[in-house]
Amino acid sequence: MSIELNVGLVRGLLTLILFLAFMTLWAWAWNKNRKHDFDRMARLPLEDQDPTQEQPR
């Protein structure tokens, strides 16, 4: 085996791994089970108060 074949093989495997990681992340983000969480986070800028602040007593 030549070194050029090994470099090409490594590049191909790395491309495959990165592609699979991207597709996994894409599937996670577009999963319909995540819709509730993303909708809740989308409304955060419109809320009047910061939910982490304590309420005055």
C-alpha atoms as a PDB file:
ATOM      1  CA  MET A   1       0.000   0.000   0.000  1.00  0.00           C
ATOM      2  CA  SER A   2       1.303   3.403  -0.854  1.00  0.00           C
ATOM      3  CA  ILE A   3       1.098   6.419   1.406  1.00  0.00           C
ATOM      4  CA  GLU A   4      -1.168   8.167  -1.111  1.00  0.00           C
ATOM      5  CA  LEU A   5      -3.759   5.434  -0.781  1.00  0.00           C
ATOM      6  CA  ASN A   6      -3.666   5.701   2.997  1.00  0.00           C
ATOM      7  CA  VAL A   7      -4.131   9.477   2.917  1.00  0.00           C
ATOM      8  CA  GLY A   8      -7.042   9.104   0.514  1.00  0.00           C
ATOM      9  CA  LEU A   9      -8.608   6.436   2.692  1.00  0.00           C
ATOM     10  CA  VAL A  10      -8.262   8.587   5.810  1.00  0.00           C
ATOM     11  CA  ARG A  11      -9.775  11.585   4.040  1.00  0.00           C
ATOM     12  CA  GLY A  12     -12.674   9.482   2.784  1.00  0.00           C
ATOM     13  CA  LEU A  13     -13.363   8.021   6.220  1.00  0.00           C
ATOM     14  CA  LEU A  14     -13.163  11.450   7.846  1.00  0.00           C
ATOM     15  CA  THR A  15     -15.605  12.820   5.281  1.00  0.00           C
ATOM     16  CA  LEU A  16     -17.979   9.938   5.976  1.00  0.00           C
ATOM     17  CA  ILE A  17     -17.758  10.440   9.751  1.00  0.00           C
ATOM     18  CA  LEU A  18     -18.385  14.185   9.475  1.00  0.00           C
ATOM     19  CA  PHE A  19     -21.301  13.616   7.100  1.00  0.00           C
ATOM     20  CA  LEU A  20     -22.887  11.113   9.491  1.00  0.00           C
ATOM     21  CA  ALA A  21     -22.391  13.525  12.408  1.00  0.00           C
ATOM     22  CA  PHE A  22     -24.038  16.315  10.412  1.00  0.00           C
ATOM     23  CA  MET A  23     -27.002  14.127   9.442  1.00  0.00           C
ATOM     24  CA  THR A  24     -27.436  12.992  13.059  1.00  0.00           C
ATOM     25  CA  LEU A  25     -27.442  16.598  14.279  1.00  0.00           C
ATOM     26  CA  TRP A  26     -29.879  17.590  11.528  1.00  0.00           C
ATOM     27  CA  ALA A  27     -32.241  14.732  12.407  1.00  0.00           C
ATOM     28  CA  TRP A  28     -32.085  15.663  16.108  1.00  0.00           C
ATOM     29  CA  ALA A  29     -32.839  19.336  15.420  1.00  0.00           C
ATOM     30  CA  TRP A  30     -35.749  18.630  13.068  1.00  0.00           C
ATOM     31  CA  ASN A  31     -37.255  15.871  15.204  1.00  0.00           C
ATOM     32  CA  LYS A  32     -40.904  16.695  15.919  1.00  0.00           C
ATOM     33  CA  ASN A  33     -40.368  15.814  19.594  1.00  0.00           C
ATOM     34  CA  ARG A  34     -38.096  18.895  19.886  1.00  0.00           C
ATOM     35  CA  LYS A  35     -40.768  21.295  18.558  1.00  0.00           C
ATOM     36  CA  HIS A  36     -42.134  22.131  22.017  1.00  0.00           C
ATOM     37  CA  ASP A  37     -38.669  23.034  23.331  1.00  0.00           C
ATOM     38  CA  PHE A  38     -37.805  25.159  20.303  1.00  0.00           C
ATOM     39  CA  ASP A  39     -41.168  26.973  20.422  1.00  0.00           C
ATOM     40  CA  ARG A  40     -40.626  27.740  24.110  1.00  0.00           C
ATOM     41  CA  MET A  41     -37.127  29.069  23.412  1.00  0.00           C
ATOM     42  CA  ALA A  42     -38.428  31.152  20.486  1.00  0.00           C
ATOM     43  CA  ARG A  43     -40.829  32.958  22.837  1.00  0.00           C
ATOM     44  CA  LEU A  44     -38.127  33.851  25.386  1.00  0.00           C
ATOM     45  CA  PRO A  45     -37.163  37.222  23.819  1.00  0.00           C
ATOM     46  CA  LEU A  46     -40.812  38.320  23.943  1.00  0.00           C
ATOM     47  CA  GLU A  47     -41.265  37.706  27.653  1.00  0.00           C
ATOM     48  CA  ASP A  48     -41.234  40.753  29.915  1.00  0.00           C
ATOM     49  CA  GLN A  49     -39.136  39.372  32.732  1.00  0.00           C
ATOM     50  CA  ASP A  50     -36.077  37.213  32.919  1.00  0.00           C
ATOM     51  CA  PRO A  51     -37.233  33.846  34.317  1.00  0.00           C
ATOM     52  CA  THR A  52     -33.973  33.504  36.273  1.00  0.00           C
ATOM     53  CA  GLN A  53     -34.560  36.707  38.255  1.00  0.00           C
ATOM     54  CA  GLU A  54     -36.194  36.506  41.637  1.00  0.00           C
ATOM     55  CA  GLN A  55     -39.623  38.062  41.976  1.00  0.00           C
ATOM     56  CA  PRO A  56     -39.847  41.044  44.402  1.00  0.00           C
ATOM     57  CA  ARG A  57     -41.611  40.173  47.628  1.00  0.00           C
END
